[in-house]
């Protein structure tokens, strides 16, 4: 049964990846806005922001990486909506393939495309002066957090991809997620925020992830932030996956 699921997912993954490679502008577009934020905040606003002992781009990059992921998941919802509205899901139903393989193919495509976009943003940050003395284990830990975060948000994006009634509705999900890092420690320390805003910023998932990635890059202890970050990612991932599968089974039954 598992071998059947893996084989079906691999075949459908090849299909969705071909769609992405034929439209590389989706990856480029995903990376353009985060790079624009880097340029804006580092060269225009960065001089007015106190980042402590580190340079501002070192402080800023972790939040920008999360924005990159958030801006990329809208394409997952769009591609899934296209399959739903275009009748491809109905065609897959008539074939002897694992039911969930279709969704997993879209999710894994999103993961790969977003990691490429993240890599482009990291290269841009390096060109702008970002430096880290972190070792290979720290970089792998950062990659693990970003992969988990991407999987969690992608499964959230699957839900509007299945339920939206228009292309705009399917793609609109990313916009509130993009702005979530702005009310976190991504751009400024939370200590500078007014009371209610600070309370929200310190207790939402992005702040713990940003703090963890920032500490890993700076070779500092991550403390409890890493467990809070992973807890948020795991909770969102499980809840979104279960919800998406329930909706999917109702749609295809």
C-alpha atoms as a PDB file:
ATOM      1  CA  UNK A   1       0.000   0.000   0.000  1.00  0.00           C
ATOM      2  CA  UNK A   2       2.785   2.442   0.960  1.00  0.00           C
ATOM      3  CA  UNK A   3       4.817   1.512  -2.128  1.00  0.00           C
ATOM      4  CA  UNK A   4       1.729   2.186  -4.275  1.00  0.00           C
ATOM      5  CA  UNK A   5       1.278   5.605  -2.627  1.00  0.00           C
ATOM      6  CA  UNK A   6       4.963   6.528  -3.065  1.00  0.00           C
ATOM      7  CA  UNK A   7       4.975   5.483  -6.733  1.00  0.00           C
ATOM      8  CA  UNK A   8       1.778   7.412  -7.509  1.00  0.00           C
ATOM      9  CA  UNK A   9       3.022  10.503  -5.661  1.00  0.00           C
ATOM     10  CA  UNK A  10       6.328  10.389  -7.527  1.00  0.00           C
ATOM     11  CA  UNK A  11       4.585  10.203 -10.918  1.00  0.00           C
ATOM     12  CA  UNK A  12       2.237  13.096 -10.098  1.00  0.00           C
ATOM     13  CA  UNK A  13       5.116  15.076  -8.607  1.00  0.00           C
ATOM     14  CA  UNK A  14       6.904  14.819 -11.947  1.00  0.00           C
ATOM     15  CA  UNK A  15       3.804  16.251 -13.621  1.00  0.00           C
ATOM     16  CA  UNK A  16       3.520  19.270 -11.305  1.00  0.00           C
ATOM     17  CA  UNK A  17       7.262  19.921 -11.410  1.00  0.00           C
ATOM     18  CA  UNK A  18       7.115  20.046 -15.209  1.00  0.00           C
ATOM     19  CA  UNK A  19       4.465  22.746 -14.892  1.00  0.00           C
ATOM     20  CA  UNK A  20       6.797  24.750 -12.653  1.00  0.00           C
ATOM     21  CA  UNK A  21       9.838  24.340 -14.893  1.00  0.00           C
ATOM     22  CA  UNK A  22       7.785  25.517 -17.846  1.00  0.00           C
ATOM     23  CA  UNK A  23       6.834  28.638 -15.852  1.00  0.00           C
ATOM     24  CA  UNK A  24       9.964  29.546 -13.869  1.00  0.00           C
ATOM     25  CA  UNK A  25       8.549  33.035 -13.441  1.00  0.00           C
ATOM     26  CA  UNK A  26       6.568  31.709 -10.470  1.00  0.00           C
ATOM     27  CA  UNK A  27       9.806  31.041  -8.553  1.00  0.00           C
ATOM     28  CA  UNK A  28      11.318  34.335  -9.707  1.00  0.00           C
ATOM     29  CA  UNK A  29       8.184  36.226  -8.662  1.00  0.00           C
ATOM     30  CA  UNK A  30       8.248  34.532  -5.258  1.00  0.00           C
ATOM     31  CA  UNK A  31      11.816  35.750  -4.685  1.00  0.00           C
ATOM     32  CA  UNK A  32      11.380  39.268  -6.111  1.00  0.00           C
ATOM     33  CA  UNK A  33       9.241  40.737  -3.317  1.00  0.00           C
ATOM     34  CA  UNK A  34      11.437  39.464  -0.430  1.00  0.00           C
ATOM     35  CA  UNK A  35      14.524  40.804  -2.212  1.00  0.00           C
ATOM     36  CA  UNK A  36      12.722  44.141  -2.651  1.00  0.00           C
ATOM     37  CA  UNK A  37      12.029  44.143   1.103  1.00  0.00           C
ATOM     38  CA  UNK A  38      15.719  43.458   1.736  1.00  0.00           C
ATOM     39  CA  UNK A  39      16.728  46.390  -0.442  1.00  0.00           C
ATOM     40  CA  UNK A  40      14.141  48.703   1.109  1.00  0.00           C
ATOM     41  CA  UNK A  41      14.844  47.925   4.734  1.00  0.00           C
ATOM     42  CA  UNK A  42      18.632  47.608   4.489  1.00  0.00           C
ATOM     43  CA  UNK A  43      19.397  50.602   2.266  1.00  0.00           C
ATOM     44  CA  UNK A  44      16.472  52.943   3.022  1.00  0.00           C
ATOM     45  CA  UNK A  45      15.147  52.220   6.518  1.00  0.00           C
ATOM     46  CA  UNK A  46      17.950  50.212   8.088  1.00  0.00           C
ATOM     47  CA  UNK A  47      19.943  53.222   9.246  1.00  0.00           C
ATOM     48  CA  UNK A  48      17.114  54.279  11.552  1.00  0.00           C
ATOM     49  CA  UNK A  49      16.708  50.844  13.178  1.00  0.00           C
ATOM     50  CA  UNK A  50      18.907  49.653  16.021  1.00  0.00           C
ATOM     51  CA  UNK A  51      19.796  45.993  15.454  1.00  0.00           C
ATOM     52  CA  UNK A  52      22.126  45.779  18.443  1.00  0.00           C
ATOM     53  CA  UNK A  53      25.578  44.329  17.898  1.00  0.00           C
ATOM     54  CA  UNK A  54      24.796  42.766  14.504  1.00  0.00           C
ATOM     55  CA  UNK A  55      24.342  44.439  11.145  1.00  0.00           C
ATOM     56  CA  UNK A  56      20.746  45.036  10.195  1.00  0.00           C
ATOM     57  CA  UNK A  57      20.771  42.598   7.268  1.00  0.00           C
ATOM     58  CA  UNK A  58      21.902  39.841   9.650  1.00  0.00           C
ATOM     59  CA  UNK A  59      18.996  40.751  11.899  1.00  0.00           C
ATOM     60  CA  UNK A  60      16.530  41.046   9.019  1.00  0.00           C
ATOM     61  CA  UNK A  61      17.190  37.947   6.903  1.00  0.00           C
ATOM     62  CA  UNK A  62      15.369  35.315   9.058  1.00  0.00           C
ATOM     63  CA  UNK A  63      12.073  37.185   8.740  1.00  0.00           C
ATOM     64  CA  UNK A  64      12.591  37.730   5.020  1.00  0.00           C
ATOM     65  CA  UNK A  65      13.056  33.981   4.531  1.00  0.00           C
ATOM     66  CA  UNK A  66       9.675  33.337   6.168  1.00  0.00           C
ATOM     67  CA  UNK A  67       8.083  36.010   3.968  1.00  0.00           C
ATOM     68  CA  UNK A  68       9.558  34.209   0.943  1.00  0.00           C
ATOM     69  CA  UNK A  69       7.786  31.005   1.949  1.00  0.00           C
ATOM     70  CA  UNK A  70       4.521  32.806   2.676  1.00  0.00           C
ATOM     71  CA  UNK A  71       4.568  34.553  -0.707  1.00  0.00           C
ATOM     72  CA  UNK A  72       5.192  31.278  -2.543  1.00  0.00           C
ATOM     73  CA  UNK A  73       2.342  29.185  -1.199  1.00  0.00           C
ATOM     74  CA  UNK A  74      -0.313  31.084  -3.150  1.00  0.00           C
ATOM     75  CA  UNK A  75       0.915  29.274  -6.267  1.00  0.00           C
ATOM     76  CA  UNK A  76       0.080  25.959  -4.585  1.00  0.00           C
ATOM     77  CA  UNK A  77      -3.499  27.052  -4.060  1.00  0.00           C
ATOM     78  CA  UNK A  78      -3.637  28.329  -7.636  1.00  0.00           C
ATOM     79  CA  UNK A  79      -2.290  25.092  -9.171  1.00  0.00           C
ATOM     80  CA  UNK A  80      -4.605  22.930  -7.092  1.00  0.00           C
ATOM     81  CA  UNK A  81      -7.604  25.114  -7.926  1.00  0.00           C
ATOM     82  CA  UNK A  82      -6.724  24.786 -11.621  1.00  0.00           C
ATOM     83  CA  UNK A  83      -6.726  20.988 -11.315  1.00  0.00           C
ATOM     84  CA  UNK A  84     -10.039  21.042  -9.460  1.00  0.00           C
ATOM     85  CA  UNK A  85     -11.805  23.439 -11.814  1.00  0.00           C
ATOM     86  CA  UNK A  86     -10.234  21.970 -14.963  1.00  0.00           C
ATOM     87  CA  UNK A  87     -11.432  18.447 -14.272  1.00  0.00           C
ATOM     88  CA  UNK A  88      -7.999  16.894 -13.688  1.00  0.00           C
ATOM     89  CA  UNK A  89      -8.964  15.664 -10.219  1.00  0.00           C
ATOM     90  CA  UNK A  90     -11.988  13.916 -11.706  1.00  0.00           C
ATOM     91  CA  UNK A  91      -9.716  12.227 -14.261  1.00  0.00           C
ATOM     92  CA  UNK A  92      -7.367  11.071 -11.519  1.00  0.00           C
ATOM     93  CA  UNK A  93     -10.331   9.619  -9.630  1.00  0.00           C
ATOM     94  CA  UNK A  94     -11.041   7.305 -12.542  1.00  0.00           C
ATOM     95  CA  UNK A  95      -7.501   5.894 -12.352  1.00  0.00           C
ATOM     96  CA  UNK A  96      -6.223   3.293  -9.881  1.00  0.00           C
ATOM     97  CA  UNK A  97      -4.026   5.738  -7.954  1.00  0.00           C
ATOM     98  CA  UNK A  98      -3.747   6.537  -4.257  1.00  0.00           C
ATOM     99  CA  UNK A  99      -6.304   9.191  -3.378  1.00  0.00           C
ATOM    100  CA  UNK A 100      -3.975  11.436  -1.382  1.00  0.00           C
ATOM    101  CA  UNK A 101      -1.128  11.238  -3.940  1.00  0.00           C
ATOM    102  CA  UNK A 102      -2.569  14.193  -5.855  1.00  0.00           C
ATOM    103  CA  UNK A 103      -2.419  16.502  -2.854  1.00  0.00           C
ATOM    104  CA  UNK A 104       1.026  15.336  -1.785  1.00  0.00           C
ATOM    105  CA  UNK A 105       2.359  15.973  -5.299  1.00  0.00           C
ATOM    106  CA  UNK A 106       1.230  19.598  -5.057  1.00  0.00           C
ATOM    107  CA  UNK A 107       2.620  19.944  -1.531  1.00  0.00           C
ATOM    108  CA  UNK A 108       6.042  18.548  -2.459  1.00  0.00           C
ATOM    109  CA  UNK A 109       6.167  20.736  -5.558  1.00  0.00           C
ATOM    110  CA  UNK A 110       5.516  23.752  -3.350  1.00  0.00           C
ATOM    111  CA  UNK A 111       8.275  22.639  -0.986  1.00  0.00           C
ATOM    112  CA  UNK A 112      10.859  22.289  -3.764  1.00  0.00           C
ATOM    113  CA  UNK A 113       9.868  25.536  -5.516  1.00  0.00           C
ATOM    114  CA  UNK A 114       9.930  27.500  -2.262  1.00  0.00           C
ATOM    115  CA  UNK A 115      13.331  26.135  -1.280  1.00  0.00           C
ATOM    116  CA  UNK A 116      14.723  27.291  -4.628  1.00  0.00           C
ATOM    117  CA  UNK A 117      13.225  30.755  -4.003  1.00  0.00           C
ATOM    118  CA  UNK A 118      14.723  30.780  -0.482  1.00  0.00           C
ATOM    119  CA  UNK A 119      18.112  29.924  -1.980  1.00  0.00           C
ATOM    120  CA  UNK A 120      17.846  32.868  -4.380  1.00  0.00           C
ATOM    121  CA  UNK A 121      17.006  35.214  -1.491  1.00  0.00           C
ATOM    122  CA  UNK A 122      19.965  33.927   0.566  1.00  0.00           C
ATOM    123  CA  UNK A 123      22.305  34.548  -2.388  1.00  0.00           C
ATOM    124  CA  UNK A 124      20.939  38.088  -2.714  1.00  0.00           C
ATOM    125  CA  UNK A 125      21.467  38.650   1.019  1.00  0.00           C
ATOM    126  CA  UNK A 126      25.054  37.422   0.764  1.00  0.00           C
ATOM    127  CA  UNK A 127      25.648  39.869  -2.083  1.00  0.00           C
ATOM    128  CA  UNK A 128      24.254  42.646   0.140  1.00  0.00           C
ATOM    129  CA  UNK A 129      26.568  41.832   3.033  1.00  0.00           C
ATOM    130  CA  UNK A 130      24.911  39.087   5.069  1.00  0.00           C
ATOM    131  CA  UNK A 131      27.491  37.008   6.906  1.00  0.00           C
ATOM    132  CA  UNK A 132      27.188  34.088   9.292  1.00  0.00           C
ATOM    133  CA  UNK A 133      29.792  31.986  11.033  1.00  0.00           C
ATOM    134  CA  UNK A 134      27.260  29.197  11.574  1.00  0.00           C
ATOM    135  CA  UNK A 135      28.462  25.680  10.911  1.00  0.00           C
ATOM    136  CA  UNK A 136      26.873  23.008   8.760  1.00  0.00           C
ATOM    137  CA  UNK A 137      24.688  21.710  11.611  1.00  0.00           C
ATOM    138  CA  UNK A 138      23.248  25.170  12.252  1.00  0.00           C
ATOM    139  CA  UNK A 139      22.514  25.636   8.542  1.00  0.00           C
ATOM    140  CA  UNK A 140      20.849  22.222   8.452  1.00  0.00           C
ATOM    141  CA  UNK A 141      18.749  23.217  11.473  1.00  0.00           C
ATOM    142  CA  UNK A 142      17.689  26.409   9.690  1.00  0.00           C
ATOM    143  CA  UNK A 143      16.804  24.363   6.606  1.00  0.00           C
ATOM    144  CA  UNK A 144      14.793  21.954   8.750  1.00  0.00           C
ATOM    145  CA  UNK A 145      12.777  24.787  10.285  1.00  0.00           C
ATOM    146  CA  UNK A 146      12.093  26.321   6.873  1.00  0.00           C
ATOM    147  CA  UNK A 147      11.052  22.957   5.417  1.00  0.00           C
ATOM    148  CA  UNK A 148       8.684  22.302   8.319  1.00  0.00           C
ATOM    149  CA  UNK A 149       7.264  25.824   8.076  1.00  0.00           C
ATOM    150  CA  UNK A 150       6.791  25.438   4.317  1.00  0.00           C
ATOM    151  CA  UNK A 151       4.997  22.101   4.702  1.00  0.00           C
ATOM    152  CA  UNK A 152       2.699  23.573   7.351  1.00  0.00           C
ATOM    153  CA  UNK A 153       1.777  26.645   5.286  1.00  0.00           C
ATOM    154  CA  UNK A 154       1.423  24.621   2.094  1.00  0.00           C
ATOM    155  CA  UNK A 155      -1.154  22.352   3.685  1.00  0.00           C
ATOM    156  CA  UNK A 156      -2.968  25.501   4.801  1.00  0.00           C
ATOM    157  CA  UNK A 157      -2.875  26.668   1.160  1.00  0.00           C
ATOM    158  CA  UNK A 158      -4.356  23.354   0.020  1.00  0.00           C
ATOM    159  CA  UNK A 159      -7.613  24.232   1.793  1.00  0.00           C
ATOM    160  CA  UNK A 160      -8.498  27.306  -0.336  1.00  0.00           C
ATOM    161  CA  UNK A 161      -7.168  25.438  -3.355  1.00  0.00           C
ATOM    162  CA  UNK A 162      -9.901  22.871  -2.761  1.00  0.00           C
ATOM    163  CA  UNK A 163     -12.693  25.204  -1.685  1.00  0.00           C
ATOM    164  CA  UNK A 164     -12.215  28.468  -3.610  1.00  0.00           C
ATOM    165  CA  UNK A 165     -14.730  29.458  -6.247  1.00  0.00           C
ATOM    166  CA  UNK A 166     -12.333  31.629  -8.260  1.00  0.00           C
ATOM    167  CA  UNK A 167      -8.642  31.954  -9.043  1.00  0.00           C
ATOM    168  CA  UNK A 168      -8.433  35.156  -7.022  1.00  0.00           C
ATOM    169  CA  UNK A 169     -10.022  33.447  -4.039  1.00  0.00           C
ATOM    170  CA  UNK A 170      -7.533  30.594  -4.213  1.00  0.00           C
ATOM    171  CA  UNK A 171      -4.525  32.908  -4.419  1.00  0.00           C
ATOM    172  CA  UNK A 172      -5.630  35.487  -1.846  1.00  0.00           C
ATOM    173  CA  UNK A 173      -4.596  33.359   1.133  1.00  0.00           C
ATOM    174  CA  UNK A 174      -0.937  34.361   0.986  1.00  0.00           C
ATOM    175  CA  UNK A 175      -1.487  38.056   1.574  1.00  0.00           C
ATOM    176  CA  UNK A 176      -2.401  38.002   5.299  1.00  0.00           C
ATOM    177  CA  UNK A 177       0.373  35.454   5.894  1.00  0.00           C
ATOM    178  CA  UNK A 178       2.929  37.752   4.248  1.00  0.00           C
ATOM    179  CA  UNK A 179       2.041  40.558   6.662  1.00  0.00           C
ATOM    180  CA  UNK A 180       2.246  38.382   9.785  1.00  0.00           C
ATOM    181  CA  UNK A 181       6.059  38.809  10.058  1.00  0.00           C
ATOM    182  CA  UNK A 182       5.582  42.570  10.220  1.00  0.00           C
ATOM    183  CA  UNK A 183       3.946  42.118  13.649  1.00  0.00           C
ATOM    184  CA  UNK A 184       6.781  40.016  15.031  1.00  0.00           C
ATOM    185  CA  UNK A 185      10.461  40.314  15.882  1.00  0.00           C
ATOM    186  CA  UNK A 186      11.362  40.032  12.188  1.00  0.00           C
ATOM    187  CA  UNK A 187      12.030  43.745  11.603  1.00  0.00           C
ATOM    188  CA  UNK A 188      12.383  45.316  15.059  1.00  0.00           C
ATOM    189  CA  UNK A 189      12.723  43.960  18.618  1.00  0.00           C
ATOM    190  CA  UNK A 190       9.356  43.331  20.226  1.00  0.00           C
ATOM    191  CA  UNK A 191      10.438  45.393  23.268  1.00  0.00           C
ATOM    192  CA  UNK A 192       9.907  48.547  21.202  1.00  0.00           C
ATOM    193  CA  UNK A 193       6.239  47.776  20.521  1.00  0.00           C
ATOM    194  CA  UNK A 194       3.189  49.033  22.466  1.00  0.00           C
ATOM    195  CA  UNK A 195       1.762  46.616  25.053  1.00  0.00           C
ATOM    196  CA  UNK A 196      -1.071  44.866  23.134  1.00  0.00           C
ATOM    197  CA  UNK A 197       0.964  44.701  19.913  1.00  0.00           C
ATOM    198  CA  UNK A 198       3.959  43.341  21.796  1.00  0.00           C
ATOM    199  CA  UNK A 199       1.803  40.680  23.469  1.00  0.00           C
ATOM    200  CA  UNK A 200       0.534  39.516  20.079  1.00  0.00           C
ATOM    201  CA  UNK A 201       3.991  39.664  18.490  1.00  0.00           C
ATOM    202  CA  UNK A 202       5.620  37.604  21.230  1.00  0.00           C
ATOM    203  CA  UNK A 203       2.945  34.909  21.145  1.00  0.00           C
ATOM    204  CA  UNK A 204       2.519  34.272  17.441  1.00  0.00           C
ATOM    205  CA  UNK A 205       4.437  31.585  15.515  1.00  0.00           C
ATOM    206  CA  UNK A 206       6.645  33.812  13.366  1.00  0.00           C
ATOM    207  CA  UNK A 207       8.495  35.387  16.304  1.00  0.00           C
ATOM    208  CA  UNK A 208       9.722  32.086  17.745  1.00  0.00           C
ATOM    209  CA  UNK A 209      10.845  30.931  14.284  1.00  0.00           C
ATOM    210  CA  UNK A 210      12.630  34.199  13.524  1.00  0.00           C
ATOM    211  CA  UNK A 211      14.356  34.195  16.922  1.00  0.00           C
ATOM    212  CA  UNK A 212      15.475  30.587  16.438  1.00  0.00           C
ATOM    213  CA  UNK A 213      16.879  31.137  12.932  1.00  0.00           C
ATOM    214  CA  UNK A 214      18.567  34.372  14.028  1.00  0.00           C
ATOM    215  CA  UNK A 215      20.231  32.623  16.991  1.00  0.00           C
ATOM    216  CA  UNK A 216      21.420  29.761  14.769  1.00  0.00           C
ATOM    217  CA  UNK A 217      22.956  32.166  12.260  1.00  0.00           C
ATOM    218  CA  UNK A 218      24.639  34.094  15.103  1.00  0.00           C
ATOM    219  CA  UNK A 219      25.916  30.931  16.820  1.00  0.00           C
ATOM    220  CA  UNK A 220      23.973  31.743  19.964  1.00  0.00           C
ATOM    221  CA  UNK A 221      21.863  29.459  22.213  1.00  0.00           C
ATOM    222  CA  UNK A 222      18.356  29.024  20.818  1.00  0.00           C
ATOM    223  CA  UNK A 223      16.752  28.389  24.203  1.00  0.00           C
ATOM    224  CA  UNK A 224      13.112  27.352  24.228  1.00  0.00           C
ATOM    225  CA  UNK A 225      12.293  29.239  21.016  1.00  0.00           C
ATOM    226  CA  UNK A 226      13.161  26.248  18.837  1.00  0.00           C
ATOM    227  CA  UNK A 227      10.649  24.027  20.639  1.00  0.00           C
ATOM    228  CA  UNK A 228       7.971  26.705  20.469  1.00  0.00           C
ATOM    229  CA  UNK A 229       8.686  27.147  16.743  1.00  0.00           C
ATOM    230  CA  UNK A 230       8.540  23.418  16.043  1.00  0.00           C
ATOM    231  CA  UNK A 231       5.395  23.102  18.167  1.00  0.00           C
ATOM    232  CA  UNK A 232       3.664  25.810  16.133  1.00  0.00           C
ATOM    233  CA  UNK A 233       4.760  24.198  12.858  1.00  0.00           C
ATOM    234  CA  UNK A 234       3.653  20.721  13.941  1.00  0.00           C
ATOM    235  CA  UNK A 235       0.293  21.974  15.220  1.00  0.00           C
ATOM    236  CA  UNK A 236      -0.460  23.943  12.046  1.00  0.00           C
ATOM    237  CA  UNK A 237       0.722  21.051   9.867  1.00  0.00           C
ATOM    238  CA  UNK A 238      -1.435  18.427  11.573  1.00  0.00           C
ATOM    239  CA  UNK A 239      -4.540  20.628  11.749  1.00  0.00           C
ATOM    240  CA  UNK A 240      -4.238  21.787   8.121  1.00  0.00           C
ATOM    241  CA  UNK A 241      -3.487  18.275   6.829  1.00  0.00           C
ATOM    242  CA  UNK A 242      -6.472  16.734   8.606  1.00  0.00           C
ATOM    243  CA  UNK A 243      -8.793  19.533   7.470  1.00  0.00           C
ATOM    244  CA  UNK A 244      -7.559  19.374   3.876  1.00  0.00           C
ATOM    245  CA  UNK A 245      -7.972  15.596   3.698  1.00  0.00           C
ATOM    246  CA  UNK A 246     -11.528  15.775   5.071  1.00  0.00           C
ATOM    247  CA  UNK A 247     -12.448  18.421   2.485  1.00  0.00           C
ATOM    248  CA  UNK A 248     -10.718  16.468  -0.290  1.00  0.00           C
ATOM    249  CA  UNK A 249     -12.542  13.226   0.506  1.00  0.00           C
ATOM    250  CA  UNK A 250     -15.865  15.068   0.457  1.00  0.00           C
ATOM    251  CA  UNK A 251     -14.993  16.700  -2.849  1.00  0.00           C
ATOM    252  CA  UNK A 252     -14.010  13.484  -4.598  1.00  0.00           C
ATOM    253  CA  UNK A 253     -16.597  11.144  -3.057  1.00  0.00           C
END
